[in-house]
Structure formats: structure tokens, C-alpha cells
């Protein structure tokens, strides 16, 4: 399927007309190799700083020349590689972080913390400028890093990943594919087959869900059985602590079902073994829970009856950049979205600039905002309530996978967004 969706075309146009000049003619990168920058994000609710912790290079591709400049500006962070002489943009990605979620907690008003973050890019063949930017809650820009990268410098180390057992769970029939990578968490070495079976079951749920179902021939799913010393996961509320490879645990930010890990660098150490447009950790547990952060990674338990559905939801965040459409959950965030500006997430709006969202999908007789009445139950509209806030944030459907597990699947808007991402990452 090579038909570029309307939203993808619109997003490309938004990049082209945003003042970004792209240099696509000169040989700027070795696309078969990767440069990885490990970062530390630190601060509190009022400020943050970013520091480079390590720079590594390794063999393996993270993008193709067709994917140099991503049109998906769904995260409040972005990094740009540019030509140090002309200023032309060579590579661009947007992403979100666990740190920015923590900044909205009460705890962040009283203390400072630091979180790991990793960004990856094709290996530059010459010196380039790295700019790391953040959009503050009021919409103003904040440049966190502005420095020259030299991939041949003595401070850049050659990284050789440890090899772990690997299996292809689903292989694309198209010549190019989107690469999803499952990593085992909380499985001992002798539980490798259990992990592969769990990965296969979750993969089937994903591939049976639109729009992934329509793109199944353009999707490759790999699984790496990285071993843990002990089986299981951390559960602080139950005083359960396990020695696992990525130290995952429940009760993240005080929400029992929120499963996460701060071991970002370790995850990318293992992922370097295989292609990975998006990484998903499968945790050896039958408890309900998961998490997903855009262009970071997603995480889900293996054996709860709803694990497949939860994974599809969390990958909506992690792979698609979609926001949560519910507003009556257990969230401990304080005013996560500023209602005076548009959210980055493409399935949420404050109506400040609704023309940039899903207005093109509305029928002419749909009122904006749309009352939650039966006549609008199965149409794309603008319903109040989303992004953990009952008022002032709007979503496109009464029910959607990004709102509830009981929904039949994604709404029209979320399908279009995910299809655009699948198109982009399979264009190699």
C-alpha cells in the first residue's frame, strides 16, 4: 500500500512551509550506521536542563534517506542535525519524555530529578550541528543543547551490542517494512520460548487491528529474548522486587497500572542488535498495565486478558504520537495540557487552531464543539473531554482505543494518523 494519506501530505506541507530548508543532495550520512546520543534531562517543575552523557556509533540503520526529515511534530521535544556552514536541515525527529510527565506532578514542585533519554540518527560523514529543543507549556521554545557533533572524534565510542537470541515473529512481504522490536523483560533464559509465544500472541492482536491490519505486508516484527536473572517485575505497592534486565515496575508516578522503567540506555543497548522503528518491552506478568511514550518506547504485560488491547493503545502513544482521550482516570498530572495553545498530539485539540487538526474529516453539519448525543455516536466530531481534563480539551470520537479498552478499535482520526506513520516508516 503506497497511497500517502491526506494527513501525511498535510504534515509534509507544514514542514516545507515552516521555514525549514532541507539539504538532500549531498552525501551527509552513512545510512547503514547509527550515531546514538545518550542524554540526561534534569530539573523540576519550573526548569530543565539537558546534558550529553555519552555518544556512541554502531553498525545498523535507523532511517533511510527518504526518512531524513520527519513530518510528525507530535512531541514537545525535537532534535535537528544541520549543516554547520549553510544551516540546512539534514535530519529531524520529534519525541516525548518520561521527564516531562514527571514535571507535572506535585513532587516536581518540591525536588529535582534526572531521567535518561536516548536519541538516534544516521552516522554523519562530516561535522554537524545538533540542536535539542523543547516547547515549554506556554508554547515558547527552549533550546537545551546547541553543539557540534563530530562522529570521528575521540569522545565517540564504537559500540558493539551483546548478541541475544532473536526471532522474526512476522515478516513483511514488501521489499521495505516498518520494524517493530519486542524485548523480553522479566524472563529467565530458560523462559525464552514462553517469551516468543507471548510475543506472537500480542503481535496477532496488533496485526488484526486497523490500520496495522491493512499494512501487515509492510510490517516486520522481531523479538529478542534478552534474559533476566529473575522472572517477573517490581510492584512497590506489594513490596515485590525482582532482578530483571530493565528494572520495570508498576505504580509509576503513583498510578498503580502505569508500568514503566527508567532504564532507557539499557533498552537501547539491547535494541542496537536489530532494526527498530519502535521498541516494545513485554513484561513477564499477568497483571494489568502498560505505558507508551512517543519515539521513546512502549511497555506492556504479557498475560493479562487485556494485554493485547493495552499494547495497541500504548503503541498509539509510542509509535503514533497519539494522546489519551480519557479524562476520568487515575492520572496524577497537574494541568498536563495548556488550554491556551494546541496540544502536539494530533487527536486532541483545545480549538485554538483546530484547522491544523482533523477539521478536514468533519461532515458539514457537525457542530463544533459537538454535544455528546446519540446522533453523533459513530461520527467524527469534536467532543469535550480528553487529555486527562474534563473541560477545554476535545477528542474526535465518543469511543476510541485511545479512550477505552471497550472501543471496537481506533477512531477515524487515529487510524489516519497511524496510517501516515506506517507509510513514512515503510518508505525505505
Protein backbone atom coordinates (compact mmCIF):
# COMPACT_ATOMS: atom_id res chain seq x y z
CA UNK A 1 0.00 0.00 0.00
CA UNK A 2 1.78 3.13 -1.22
CA UNK A 3 -1.02 5.69 -1.14
CA UNK A 4 0.05 8.58 1.05
CA UNK A 5 -2.79 9.67 3.30
CA UNK A 6 -4.17 13.19 3.39
CA UNK A 7 -2.77 13.83 6.81
CA UNK A 8 0.71 12.76 5.74
CA UNK A 9 0.57 15.15 2.79
CA UNK A 10 -0.61 17.94 5.06
CA UNK A 11 2.14 17.26 7.56
CA UNK A 12 4.82 17.31 4.87
CA UNK A 13 3.48 20.64 3.66
CA UNK A 14 3.57 22.02 7.20
CA UNK A 15 7.27 21.13 7.41
CA UNK A 16 8.10 22.50 3.99
CA UNK A 17 6.43 25.82 4.70
CA UNK A 18 7.68 26.20 8.28
CA UNK A 19 10.99 27.74 7.20
CA UNK A 20 12.99 24.50 7.35
CA UNK A 21 15.42 24.25 4.46
CA UNK A 22 16.34 20.65 3.75
CA UNK A 23 19.63 19.55 2.19
CA UNK A 24 19.01 16.25 0.41
CA UNK A 25 21.59 16.39 -2.36
CA UNK A 26 24.96 15.87 -0.69
CA UNK A 27 26.18 12.62 0.93
CA UNK A 28 25.73 13.68 4.54
CA UNK A 29 25.32 10.30 6.24
CA UNK A 30 26.33 6.68 6.24
CA UNK A 31 22.77 5.37 6.35
CA UNK A 32 23.94 1.85 7.24
CA UNK A 33 25.36 3.04 10.56
CA UNK A 34 23.92 4.82 13.59
CA UNK A 35 25.08 7.61 15.89
CA UNK A 36 23.47 7.47 19.30
CA UNK A 37 23.46 10.26 21.87
CA UNK A 38 22.61 9.35 25.48
CA UNK A 39 21.20 12.32 27.37
CA UNK A 40 20.25 13.29 30.90
CA UNK A 41 17.22 15.54 31.38
CA UNK A 42 17.22 17.18 34.81
CA UNK A 43 15.28 19.83 36.68
CA UNK A 44 12.00 20.40 38.48
CA UNK A 45 8.53 21.73 37.65
CA UNK A 46 9.94 25.16 36.75
CA UNK A 47 13.02 24.44 34.68
CA UNK A 48 15.04 21.74 32.96
CA UNK A 49 18.49 21.23 31.53
CA UNK A 50 19.91 18.60 29.21
CA UNK A 51 23.38 17.07 29.29
CA UNK A 52 25.17 14.73 26.90
CA UNK A 53 26.24 11.63 28.83
CA UNK A 54 27.71 9.53 26.02
CA UNK A 55 27.95 9.37 22.23
CA UNK A 56 28.21 6.01 20.50
CA UNK A 57 28.31 4.73 16.95
CA UNK A 58 27.39 1.27 15.73
CA UNK A 59 26.52 -0.71 12.61
CA UNK A 60 22.80 -0.74 11.90
CA UNK A 61 20.30 1.54 10.17
CA UNK A 62 17.73 3.70 11.95
CA UNK A 63 16.44 5.52 8.87
CA UNK A 64 16.75 5.86 5.11
CA UNK A 65 17.35 8.97 3.00
CA UNK A 66 13.57 9.12 2.40
CA UNK A 67 13.06 9.47 6.16
CA UNK A 68 15.57 12.23 6.88
CA UNK A 69 13.03 14.85 7.98
CA UNK A 70 10.05 13.52 9.90
CA UNK A 71 6.78 15.42 9.39
CA UNK A 72 5.42 14.21 12.74
CA UNK A 73 5.87 17.01 15.26
CA UNK A 74 3.89 15.22 17.97
CA UNK A 75 6.36 15.57 20.82
CA UNK A 76 7.30 18.65 22.82
CA UNK A 77 10.96 17.80 22.20
CA UNK A 78 12.78 17.71 18.89
CA UNK A 79 16.34 17.33 17.71
CA UNK A 80 17.78 18.64 14.48
CA UNK A 81 21.02 17.94 12.69
CA UNK A 82 22.03 20.78 10.39
CA UNK A 83 24.91 21.73 8.12
CA UNK A 84 27.33 23.89 10.13
CA UNK A 85 28.05 26.10 7.11
CA UNK A 86 24.68 26.53 5.39
CA UNK A 87 22.26 25.82 8.25
CA UNK A 88 20.31 23.40 6.04
CA UNK A 89 18.40 20.74 7.94
CA UNK A 90 19.86 17.27 7.45
CA UNK A 91 17.83 15.20 9.92
CA UNK A 92 14.86 15.94 12.18
CA UNK A 93 12.89 14.00 14.78
CA UNK A 94 10.29 14.88 17.43
CA UNK A 95 9.80 12.91 20.66
CA UNK A 96 8.33 12.91 24.15
CA UNK A 97 9.86 12.01 27.51
CA UNK A 98 9.08 10.49 30.88
CA UNK A 99 10.74 13.51 32.43
CA UNK A 100 8.12 15.94 31.07
CA UNK A 101 5.38 13.79 32.60
CA UNK A 102 7.15 13.88 35.96
CA UNK A 103 7.38 17.68 35.75
CA UNK A 104 3.58 17.92 36.06
CA UNK A 105 3.50 16.07 39.41
CA UNK A 106 3.31 17.66 42.86
CA UNK A 107 6.66 16.03 43.62
CA UNK A 108 8.33 18.16 40.93
CA UNK A 109 7.36 21.32 42.81
CA UNK A 110 9.44 20.23 45.78
CA UNK A 111 12.51 18.43 44.40
CA UNK A 112 14.74 17.93 41.39
CA UNK A 113 15.25 14.72 39.45
CA UNK A 114 17.14 13.42 36.43
CA UNK A 115 15.95 10.99 33.74
CA UNK A 116 17.72 9.11 30.95
CA UNK A 117 16.90 9.79 27.31
CA UNK A 118 18.35 8.47 24.06
CA UNK A 119 18.22 9.88 20.54
CA UNK A 120 19.43 8.07 17.41
CA UNK A 121 20.40 9.31 13.96
CA UNK A 122 22.25 8.10 10.87
CA UNK A 123 26.03 8.40 11.22
CA UNK A 124 27.13 11.83 9.92
CA UNK A 125 30.03 11.81 7.46
CA UNK A 126 31.04 15.32 8.45
CA UNK A 127 30.70 17.66 11.39
CA UNK A 128 27.09 18.68 12.00
CA UNK A 129 25.26 20.92 14.43
CA UNK A 130 22.99 19.21 16.97
CA UNK A 131 20.13 21.30 18.36
CA UNK A 132 17.83 19.87 21.04
CA UNK A 133 14.70 21.96 21.55
CA UNK A 134 11.77 21.86 23.95
CA UNK A 135 8.41 23.57 23.75
CA UNK A 136 7.51 24.99 27.16
CA UNK A 137 3.97 24.73 28.48
CA UNK A 138 3.26 28.29 27.31
CA UNK A 139 4.36 27.35 23.81
CA UNK A 140 7.65 29.26 23.86
CA UNK A 141 10.82 27.48 22.63
CA UNK A 142 13.70 26.46 24.88
CA UNK A 143 17.00 25.31 23.38
CA UNK A 144 18.54 22.72 25.66
CA UNK A 145 21.58 21.69 23.57
CA UNK A 146 23.38 23.51 20.79
CA UNK A 147 26.72 21.98 19.85
CA UNK A 148 28.78 20.49 17.03
CA UNK A 149 28.86 16.72 16.63
CA UNK A 150 31.91 15.04 15.12
CA UNK A 151 31.28 11.31 14.74
CA UNK A 152 35.02 10.70 14.26
CA UNK A 153 36.03 12.47 17.46
CA UNK A 154 37.88 10.56 20.19
CA UNK A 155 34.92 11.09 22.55
CA UNK A 156 32.65 9.00 20.31
CA UNK A 157 32.95 5.31 21.17
CA UNK A 158 32.37 2.31 18.91
CA UNK A 159 29.51 0.32 20.41
CA UNK A 160 29.28 -3.43 19.87
CA UNK A 161 26.00 -4.77 21.27
CA UNK A 162 25.84 -8.08 23.07
CA UNK A 163 24.01 -10.67 20.98
CA UNK A 164 20.89 -12.27 22.41
CA UNK A 165 18.59 -14.91 20.88
CA UNK A 166 16.43 -13.30 18.22
CA UNK A 167 13.41 -14.48 16.23
CA UNK A 168 11.26 -12.98 13.48
CA UNK A 169 7.64 -13.16 14.64
CA UNK A 170 6.12 -11.67 11.49
CA UNK A 171 7.93 -10.84 8.26
CA UNK A 172 6.87 -8.24 5.72
CA UNK A 173 6.27 -9.41 2.17
CA UNK A 174 7.00 -5.94 0.81
CA UNK A 175 10.61 -5.09 0.00
CA UNK A 176 10.58 -2.30 2.61
CA UNK A 177 8.99 -2.51 6.03
CA UNK A 178 8.23 -0.87 9.34
CA UNK A 179 10.31 -2.57 12.04
CA UNK A 180 8.75 -3.28 15.43
CA UNK A 181 11.03 -4.81 18.05
CA UNK A 182 9.83 -6.76 21.11
CA UNK A 183 12.27 -7.07 24.03
CA UNK A 184 11.85 -9.59 26.84
CA UNK A 185 11.66 -8.19 30.38
CA UNK A 186 11.48 -10.44 33.42
CA UNK A 187 12.02 -13.69 31.51
CA UNK A 188 14.84 -16.01 32.59
CA UNK A 189 16.98 -17.61 29.86
CA UNK A 190 15.03 -20.87 30.16
CA UNK A 191 11.79 -18.94 29.55
CA UNK A 192 12.75 -17.80 26.04
CA UNK A 193 10.08 -19.93 24.35
CA UNK A 194 7.45 -18.52 26.72
CA UNK A 195 8.53 -15.04 25.66
CA UNK A 196 8.37 -15.86 21.95
CA UNK A 197 4.89 -17.33 22.41
CA UNK A 198 3.76 -14.21 24.28
CA UNK A 199 5.25 -12.01 21.56
CA UNK A 200 3.41 -13.98 18.87
CA UNK A 201 0.06 -13.62 20.66
CA UNK A 202 0.49 -9.87 21.11
CA UNK A 203 1.65 -9.50 17.52
CA UNK A 204 -1.50 -11.16 16.28
CA UNK A 205 -3.67 -8.67 18.17
CA UNK A 206 -1.72 -5.80 16.65
CA UNK A 207 -1.92 -7.17 13.11
CA UNK A 208 -5.67 -7.75 13.48
CA UNK A 209 -6.20 -4.08 14.40
CA UNK A 210 -6.67 -1.37 11.79
CA UNK A 211 -4.72 0.31 10.32
CA UNK A 212 -1.97 -2.23 11.11
CA UNK A 213 -4.11 -4.94 9.50
CA UNK A 214 -4.09 -3.12 6.16
CA UNK A 215 -0.31 -2.67 6.41
CA UNK A 216 0.60 -6.15 7.64
CA UNK A 217 2.58 -6.84 4.45
CA UNK A 218 4.72 -3.80 5.25
CA UNK A 219 5.42 -4.73 8.89
CA UNK A 220 8.24 -6.86 10.29
CA UNK A 221 8.15 -7.83 13.95
CA UNK A 222 11.27 -9.17 15.68
CA UNK A 223 11.66 -10.43 19.24
CA UNK A 224 14.85 -10.53 21.32
CA UNK A 225 14.87 -12.92 24.27
CA UNK A 226 17.18 -10.89 26.48
CA UNK A 227 17.40 -12.84 29.77
CA UNK A 228 16.76 -11.59 33.28
CA UNK A 229 18.17 -13.05 36.49
CA UNK A 230 14.66 -13.41 37.93
CA UNK A 231 11.17 -13.73 36.48
CA UNK A 232 8.62 -11.00 36.96
CA UNK A 233 8.62 -7.30 37.70
CA UNK A 234 8.73 -4.73 40.50
CA UNK A 235 5.48 -3.94 42.30
CA UNK A 236 6.19 -1.39 45.07
CA UNK A 237 2.66 -1.48 46.47
CA UNK A 238 3.02 -5.22 47.06
CA UNK A 239 6.66 -4.96 48.21
CA UNK A 240 7.70 -7.14 45.25
CA UNK A 241 11.18 -6.53 43.85
CA UNK A 242 12.81 -8.57 41.11
CA UNK A 243 16.24 -8.57 39.50
CA UNK A 244 15.22 -8.05 35.85
CA UNK A 245 17.15 -6.75 32.85
CA UNK A 246 15.33 -3.40 32.60
CA UNK A 247 14.03 -2.91 36.18
CA UNK A 248 10.44 -2.33 35.09
CA UNK A 249 7.75 -1.70 37.68
CA UNK A 250 4.18 -0.67 38.37
CA UNK A 251 2.90 2.37 40.27
CA UNK A 252 4.81 4.85 38.13
CA UNK A 253 4.06 8.36 39.36
CA UNK A 254 1.61 6.92 41.91
CA UNK A 255 -0.65 5.24 39.32
CA UNK A 256 -0.88 1.52 40.04
CA UNK A 257 -1.46 0.37 36.45
CA UNK A 258 1.23 2.64 34.98
CA UNK A 259 4.08 0.26 34.11
CA UNK A 260 7.39 1.89 33.19
CA UNK A 261 11.16 1.76 33.51
CA UNK A 262 13.80 4.46 33.64
CA UNK A 263 16.49 2.18 32.19
CA UNK A 264 16.36 3.88 28.80
CA UNK A 265 20.06 3.46 27.93
CA UNK A 266 19.97 -0.28 28.71
CA UNK A 267 16.97 -0.71 26.44
CA UNK A 268 18.74 0.96 23.53
CA UNK A 269 21.88 -1.09 24.22
CA UNK A 270 19.88 -4.24 23.52
CA UNK A 271 17.82 -2.75 20.69
CA UNK A 272 21.02 -1.90 18.77
CA UNK A 273 21.15 -5.59 17.82
CA UNK A 274 18.19 -5.31 15.41
CA UNK A 275 16.25 -2.76 13.31
CA UNK A 276 13.80 -0.82 15.48
CA UNK A 277 11.42 1.88 14.30
CA UNK A 278 9.65 1.31 17.60
CA UNK A 279 10.59 -0.74 20.68
CA UNK A 280 8.06 -2.61 22.83
CA UNK A 281 9.01 -4.24 26.14
CA UNK A 282 6.99 -7.34 27.03
CA UNK A 283 6.94 -7.87 30.80
CA UNK A 284 6.51 -11.37 32.19
CA UNK A 285 3.35 -10.70 34.17
CA UNK A 286 -0.38 -11.38 34.11
CA UNK A 287 -1.18 -8.07 35.82
CA UNK A 288 -2.99 -5.27 34.00
CA UNK A 289 -0.75 -2.39 32.97
CA UNK A 290 1.44 -0.67 30.44
CA UNK A 291 2.92 2.59 29.20
CA UNK A 292 3.96 4.32 25.99
CA UNK A 293 5.93 7.48 25.16
CA UNK A 294 6.30 8.88 21.64
CA UNK A 295 9.54 7.90 19.91
CA UNK A 296 10.84 6.51 23.22
CA UNK A 297 9.40 3.00 23.73
CA UNK A 298 6.23 1.20 24.79
CA UNK A 299 5.79 -1.40 27.53
CA UNK A 300 3.05 -3.92 28.33
CA UNK A 301 2.48 -7.04 30.39
CA UNK A 302 2.30 -10.36 28.55
CA UNK A 303 -0.51 -12.41 30.01
CA UNK A 304 -3.42 -10.29 31.22
CA UNK A 305 -6.62 -10.95 29.21
CA UNK A 306 -6.46 -7.34 28.00
CA UNK A 307 -2.70 -7.24 27.29
CA UNK A 308 -3.12 -7.14 23.51
CA UNK A 309 -5.61 -4.30 23.64
CA UNK A 310 -3.44 -2.40 26.11
CA UNK A 311 -0.40 -2.83 23.86
CA UNK A 312 -2.30 -1.43 20.88
CA UNK A 313 -3.28 1.58 23.00
CA UNK A 314 0.24 2.15 24.32
CA UNK A 315 1.72 1.88 20.83
CA UNK A 316 -0.78 4.57 19.86
CA UNK A 317 1.30 6.79 22.15
CA UNK A 318 4.74 5.34 21.48
CA UNK A 319 4.60 4.82 17.73
CA UNK A 320 1.80 7.14 16.62
CA UNK A 321 2.20 10.11 18.97
CA UNK A 322 -1.48 9.93 19.97
CA UNK A 323 -2.73 11.37 23.26
CA UNK A 324 -5.02 9.81 25.86
CA UNK A 325 -8.64 10.68 25.17
CA UNK A 326 -9.97 9.83 28.63
CA UNK A 327 -10.47 12.37 31.41
CA UNK A 328 -11.72 10.45 34.42
CA UNK A 329 -8.85 8.06 35.14
CA UNK A 330 -6.22 7.83 37.84
CA UNK A 331 -3.87 10.44 36.40
CA UNK A 332 -1.80 12.40 38.93
CA UNK A 333 -0.77 15.06 36.38
CA UNK A 334 -1.45 18.72 37.08
CA UNK A 335 -2.92 20.51 34.03
CA UNK A 336 -0.94 18.40 31.59
CA UNK A 337 -2.17 20.49 28.64
CA UNK A 338 -2.15 24.27 28.39
CA UNK A 339 -5.59 25.18 27.05
CA UNK A 340 -4.25 28.40 25.53
CA UNK A 341 -2.28 26.53 22.85
CA UNK A 342 -2.86 23.45 20.71
CA UNK A 343 -1.60 20.11 22.09
CA UNK A 344 1.07 18.45 19.98
CA UNK A 345 -0.94 15.24 19.94
CA UNK A 346 -2.89 15.02 16.65
CA UNK A 347 -6.05 13.52 18.20
CA UNK A 348 -6.54 16.26 20.81
CA UNK A 349 -7.45 19.91 20.38
CA UNK A 350 -8.14 22.96 22.51
CA UNK A 351 -9.83 24.60 19.46
CA UNK A 352 -7.13 27.29 19.47
CA UNK A 353 -6.02 26.16 15.99
CA UNK A 354 -8.46 23.39 15.11
CA UNK A 355 -7.86 23.83 11.38
CA UNK A 356 -4.49 22.10 11.93
CA UNK A 357 -6.14 19.00 13.41
CA UNK A 358 -8.99 16.87 12.00
CA UNK A 359 -11.32 19.58 10.68
CA UNK A 360 -10.90 18.11 7.17
CA UNK A 361 -12.66 14.94 8.34
CA UNK A 362 -15.80 16.64 9.69
CA UNK A 363 -19.06 16.50 7.78
CA UNK A 364 -20.51 19.93 7.05
CA UNK A 365 -23.37 19.58 9.55
CA UNK A 366 -21.22 18.62 12.58
CA UNK A 367 -21.29 21.35 15.24
CA UNK A 368 -18.00 22.38 16.88
CA UNK A 369 -17.90 21.60 19.77
CA UNK A 370 -20.17 18.57 19.36
CA UNK A 371 -22.72 17.63 22.04
CA UNK A 372 -22.40 14.04 23.29
CA UNK A 373 -25.72 12.89 21.84
CA UNK A 374 -26.70 9.56 20.32
CA UNK A 375 -26.96 11.03 16.82
CA UNK A 376 -23.19 11.70 16.84
CA UNK A 377 -22.15 8.38 18.37
CA UNK A 378 -20.50 6.92 15.27
CA UNK A 379 -19.23 10.03 13.51
CA UNK A 380 -16.03 12.03 13.61
CA UNK A 381 -16.74 15.16 15.63
CA UNK A 382 -15.33 17.33 18.44
CA UNK A 383 -16.36 16.07 21.88
CA UNK A 384 -15.28 17.82 25.07
CA UNK A 385 -13.14 15.82 27.47
CA UNK A 386 -9.69 14.37 26.82
CA UNK A 387 -6.06 14.58 27.80
CA UNK A 388 -6.97 13.90 31.48
CA UNK A 389 -9.11 17.07 31.53
CA UNK A 390 -12.89 17.19 31.52
CA UNK A 391 -13.13 20.72 30.19
CA UNK A 392 -11.28 22.62 27.48
CA UNK A 393 -9.67 19.67 25.69
CA UNK A 394 -11.54 17.89 22.90
CA UNK A 395 -11.35 14.47 21.21
CA UNK A 396 -12.61 13.26 17.81
CA UNK A 397 -14.91 10.36 18.79
CA UNK A 398 -17.18 9.28 21.59
CA UNK A 399 -15.30 5.99 21.83
CA UNK A 400 -11.83 5.08 20.57
CA UNK A 401 -8.98 2.78 21.54
CA UNK A 402 -7.20 5.87 22.91
CA UNK A 403 -10.08 6.40 25.33
CA UNK A 404 -11.27 2.97 26.41
CA UNK A 405 -10.45 -0.71 26.10
CA UNK A 406 -14.10 -1.39 25.27
CA UNK A 407 -13.96 0.52 21.98
CA UNK A 408 -14.02 -1.62 18.83
CA UNK A 409 -10.78 -0.02 17.66
CA UNK A 410 -9.28 3.31 16.72
CA UNK A 411 -11.45 6.19 15.55
CA UNK A 412 -11.13 7.63 12.03
CA UNK A 413 -8.66 10.31 13.11
CA UNK A 414 -6.34 7.93 14.96
CA UNK A 415 -6.41 5.46 12.07
CA UNK A 416 -5.35 8.19 9.67
CA UNK A 417 -2.52 9.32 11.96
CA UNK A 418 -1.22 5.76 12.42
CA UNK A 419 -1.52 5.03 8.70
CA UNK A 420 0.61 8.09 7.98
CA UNK A 421 3.32 6.82 10.35
CA UNK A 422 3.20 3.36 8.79
CA UNK A 423 3.57 4.93 5.33
CA UNK A 424 6.52 7.04 6.43
CA UNK A 425 8.50 4.27 8.13
CA UNK A 426 7.93 1.76 5.34
CA UNK A 427 9.25 4.19 2.71
CA UNK A 428 12.84 2.96 2.64
